[in-house]
Protein backbone atom coordinates (compact mmCIF):
# COMPACT_ATOMS: atom_id res chain seq x y z
CA LYS A 1 13.74 132.82 41.16
CA HIS A 2 14.38 136.22 40.20
CA LEU A 3 15.90 136.78 43.64
CA SER A 4 18.33 133.77 43.15
CA GLY A 5 19.45 134.91 40.13
CA LEU A 6 20.66 138.67 40.79
CA LEU A 7 22.46 136.81 43.85
CA ALA A 8 24.39 134.26 42.38
CA GLN A 9 25.97 137.09 40.34
CA ASP A 10 27.56 138.82 43.45
CA LEU A 11 28.27 135.66 45.45
CA PRO A 12 31.83 134.31 43.78
CA ALA A 13 33.14 137.13 45.97
CA LEU A 14 30.56 137.43 49.14
CA ASN A 15 30.70 132.89 49.62
CA GLU A 16 31.47 133.77 53.45
CA PRO A 17 29.67 137.30 54.38
CA ALA A 18 26.37 135.63 52.72
CA SER A 19 26.57 132.49 54.54
CA GLU A 20 26.59 134.17 58.11
CA PHE A 21 23.74 136.75 56.76
CA VAL A 22 21.56 133.53 56.24
CA LEU A 23 22.34 132.06 59.25
CA GLU A 24 21.86 135.38 61.05
CA CYS A 25 18.46 135.34 59.56
CA VAL A 26 17.57 131.57 60.47
CA GLN A 27 18.56 132.49 64.06
CA ASN A 28 16.56 135.29 64.49
CA LEU A 29 13.91 135.32 62.28
CA PRO A 30 12.93 131.68 62.13
CA VAL A 31 9.48 132.15 60.83
CA LYS A 32 10.55 132.40 57.08
CA THR A 33 13.29 128.96 57.66
CA PRO A 34 11.73 127.05 54.49
CA VAL A 35 12.31 130.26 52.26
CA TYR A 36 16.09 130.55 53.57
CA ALA A 37 16.72 126.60 52.96
CA THR A 38 14.47 127.05 49.21
CA LEU A 39 16.52 129.96 48.15
CA VAL A 40 19.99 128.51 48.94
CA ALA A 41 18.63 125.51 47.15
CA MET A 42 18.14 127.71 44.22
CA LEU A 43 21.66 128.97 44.31
CA ASN A 44 22.94 125.42 44.11
CA HIS A 45 23.17 124.58 40.65
CA SER A 46 25.03 127.69 39.52
CA SER A 47 26.95 128.68 42.77
CA GLY A 48 27.18 125.41 44.32
CA GLU A 49 30.22 126.39 46.38
CA PHE A 50 28.20 129.32 48.17
CA VAL A 51 25.89 126.20 49.34
CA GLU A 52 28.65 124.30 50.28
CA GLU A 53 29.88 127.52 52.70
CA VAL A 54 26.34 127.58 54.03
CA VAL A 55 25.86 123.97 55.62
CA ARG A 56 29.67 123.85 56.76
CA ALA A 57 29.02 126.87 58.60
CA THR A 58 25.65 125.76 59.81
CA CYS A 59 27.15 122.59 61.00
CA GLU A 60 29.86 124.10 62.70
CA GLN A 61 27.62 126.66 64.14
CA LEU A 62 25.37 123.99 65.64
CA GLU A 63 28.50 122.60 67.41
CA THR A 64 29.25 126.05 69.14
CA THR A 65 25.65 126.76 70.13
CA LEU A 66 25.32 122.98 71.43
CA ALA A 67 28.45 122.75 73.43
CA SER A 68 27.26 125.99 75.30
CA THR A 69 25.07 126.92 78.69
CA SER A 70 23.92 130.07 77.38
CA LEU A 71 20.06 130.32 76.30
CA ASP A 72 20.50 131.96 73.59
CA ASP A 73 22.53 129.55 72.30
CA ARG A 74 20.05 126.43 72.91
CA ILE A 75 17.79 128.36 71.34
CA LYS A 76 19.54 129.11 68.16
CA ALA A 77 20.82 125.28 68.19
CA ARG A 78 17.42 124.28 67.70
CA LEU A 79 16.67 126.93 65.04
CA LEU A 80 19.73 125.46 63.43
CA LEU A 81 18.66 121.77 63.60
CA ARG A 82 15.12 123.32 62.37
CA PHE A 83 16.80 124.35 58.98
CA ILE A 84 18.60 121.29 58.40
CA ALA A 85 15.88 119.37 58.84
CA VAL A 86 14.20 121.10 55.70
CA TRP A 87 17.16 120.63 53.25
CA PRO A 88 15.94 117.49 52.09
CA VAL A 89 13.37 118.52 51.02
CA VAL A 90 14.78 121.25 48.96
CA GLY A 91 17.29 119.25 47.77
CA ILE A 92 20.25 120.80 49.76
CA VAL A 93 21.26 117.35 51.31
CA THR A 94 20.29 114.14 51.37
CA ALA A 95 18.12 112.84 53.35
CA SER A 96 20.40 110.11 55.05
CA ALA A 97 22.65 113.59 55.50
CA ALA A 98 19.54 115.33 57.60
CA VAL A 99 19.17 112.77 59.74
CA ASP A 100 22.76 111.76 60.43
CA ILE A 101 23.61 114.47 61.85
CA LEU A 102 19.99 114.43 64.28
CA ASP A 103 20.67 111.50 65.42
CA ALA A 104 24.18 112.40 66.24
CA VAL A 105 22.58 114.78 68.74
CA VAL A 106 20.13 111.89 70.02
CA CYS A 107 22.99 109.69 70.21
CA ALA A 108 24.82 112.62 72.35
CA ALA A 109 21.91 112.24 74.97
CA VAL A 110 21.77 108.46 74.70
CA ASP A 111 25.50 108.57 75.34
CA ALA A 112 24.61 111.30 78.96
CA ALA A 113 22.16 108.96 80.34
CA ASP A 114 24.27 105.54 79.90
CA LYS A 115 27.13 107.78 81.50
CA GLY A 116 24.58 108.88 84.47
CA GLU A 117 27.02 111.95 85.99
CA PRO A 118 25.53 113.84 88.28
CA GLY A 119 22.88 116.28 86.44
CA TRP A 120 22.77 115.23 83.44
CA GLN A 121 19.34 114.66 82.47
CA PRO A 122 17.73 118.52 81.64
CA ARG A 123 20.55 119.43 79.36
CA ALA A 124 20.01 115.95 77.28
CA ASP A 125 16.16 116.02 77.56
CA TYR A 126 17.07 119.17 75.64
CA LEU A 127 19.02 117.57 73.12
CA VAL A 128 16.31 115.19 72.22
CA TYR A 129 13.97 117.27 72.14
CA ALA A 130 15.60 119.86 70.01
CA ALA A 131 16.15 116.71 67.61
CA LEU A 132 12.23 115.98 67.87
CA ALA A 133 10.84 119.25 67.10
CA ALA A 134 12.79 119.85 63.95
CA LEU A 135 11.36 116.52 62.75
CA PRO A 136 7.59 118.11 61.74
CA TRP A 137 10.08 120.52 59.65
CA GLY A 138 11.50 117.56 57.06
CA GLY A 139 8.48 115.86 57.05
CA ALA A 140 8.37 113.02 54.92
CA ALA A 141 11.18 113.63 52.91
CA LEU A 142 13.13 112.96 56.43
CA GLN A 143 11.68 109.25 56.85
CA THR A 144 12.62 108.53 53.55
CA ALA A 145 16.60 107.61 55.24
CA LYS A 146 17.17 104.86 56.43
CA GLU A 147 18.55 106.17 59.16
CA PHE A 148 15.90 107.48 60.40
CA ASP A 149 14.19 103.80 62.01
CA VAL A 150 17.45 103.82 63.49
CA MET A 151 17.40 107.15 64.72
CA MET A 152 13.50 106.80 66.79
CA ASP A 153 14.72 103.99 68.03
CA SER A 154 17.34 105.78 69.80
CA ILE A 155 15.14 108.49 70.90
CA GLU A 156 12.93 105.25 72.30
CA ASP A 157 15.53 104.01 74.47
CA TYR A 158 17.07 107.61 75.37
CA LEU A 159 12.89 107.66 77.24
CA ARG A 160 13.03 104.80 78.75
CA LYS A 161 16.57 105.66 80.27
CA ARG A 162 15.44 109.07 81.09
CA ARG A 163 14.01 109.40 84.82
CA GLN A 164 10.11 109.94 83.67
CA GLY A 165 8.13 113.09 84.98
CA PRO A 166 8.01 116.47 84.15
CA ASP A 167 11.68 118.03 85.42
CA PRO A 168 11.54 120.60 88.27
CA ALA A 169 14.06 123.13 86.42
CA ALA A 170 12.14 123.05 83.13
CA MET A 171 8.58 124.21 84.04
CA LEU A 172 7.52 127.57 84.22
CA PHE A 173 4.83 126.95 86.90
CA ALA A 174 4.95 125.07 89.79
CA PRO A 175 1.89 122.42 89.97
CA PRO A 176 -0.78 123.04 92.23
CA ALA A 177 -0.24 122.13 95.80
CA GLY A 178 -0.98 118.77 96.48
CA SER A 179 -1.10 117.83 92.52
CA ALA A 180 -0.31 113.99 92.14
CA ALA A 181 2.84 113.50 90.32
CA ASP A 182 1.39 111.88 87.29
CA THR A 183 -1.08 114.11 86.41
CA VAL A 184 1.56 117.23 85.78
CA ASP A 185 2.58 116.56 82.19
CA ASP A 186 6.01 115.66 80.95
CA TRP A 187 6.69 117.78 77.83
CA LEU A 188 9.68 115.35 76.32
CA GLU A 189 6.91 112.47 76.22
CA GLU A 190 4.02 114.85 75.23
CA CYS A 191 6.64 116.03 71.98
CA TRP A 192 7.27 112.52 71.68
CA GLY A 193 4.71 111.40 71.50
CA ARG A 194 2.98 113.29 68.95
CA VAL A 195 5.77 113.31 66.63
CA ASN A 196 5.42 109.83 67.23
CA GLU A 197 2.02 109.60 66.01
CA VAL A 198 1.73 111.79 62.99
CA ARG A 199 4.74 109.29 62.36
CA LYS A 200 2.81 106.31 62.41
CA ALA A 201 0.11 108.02 60.23
CA GLY A 202 2.33 108.78 57.44
């Protein structure tokens, strides 16, 4: 609280540089993501323009990193989605607003599956994984949005459309010689199963 008070005095002149610094922290020291989100939320009352700038810059940076083919940018996009998922927990945006952003990422994957262009699945799998991986950071706060169940239905829809089984291009190690296909973990299905189990448990 003391830190947010000190920052509020200087933010009117430092909105853009300060928001860029927050995003650098989110993308390079992600273990503190809830701390960054809480700090931004505490500034909402006294420095609303700064918080709006953080939200705008985050969404803009997310679009840029999602459009990139760089592995570093893909990691950054996943971390930005994590940051966004925490927003409703601390009161930066409503749960519906955060879920809408996550759902847009999932819908991009569903759209890719529907179009079925060559080589579509690895990127689409990544998009769904990035959204799924962000959900635990928002916890029950995200589930209060009426759009949440719609997004989860979209994920289920996507999982039905994709080729089942592990993507060889996404595997760190080749399976042992002679391994049956059904004994090799499908990491996306596993992630979905764990998130969905927590969701059903409330």
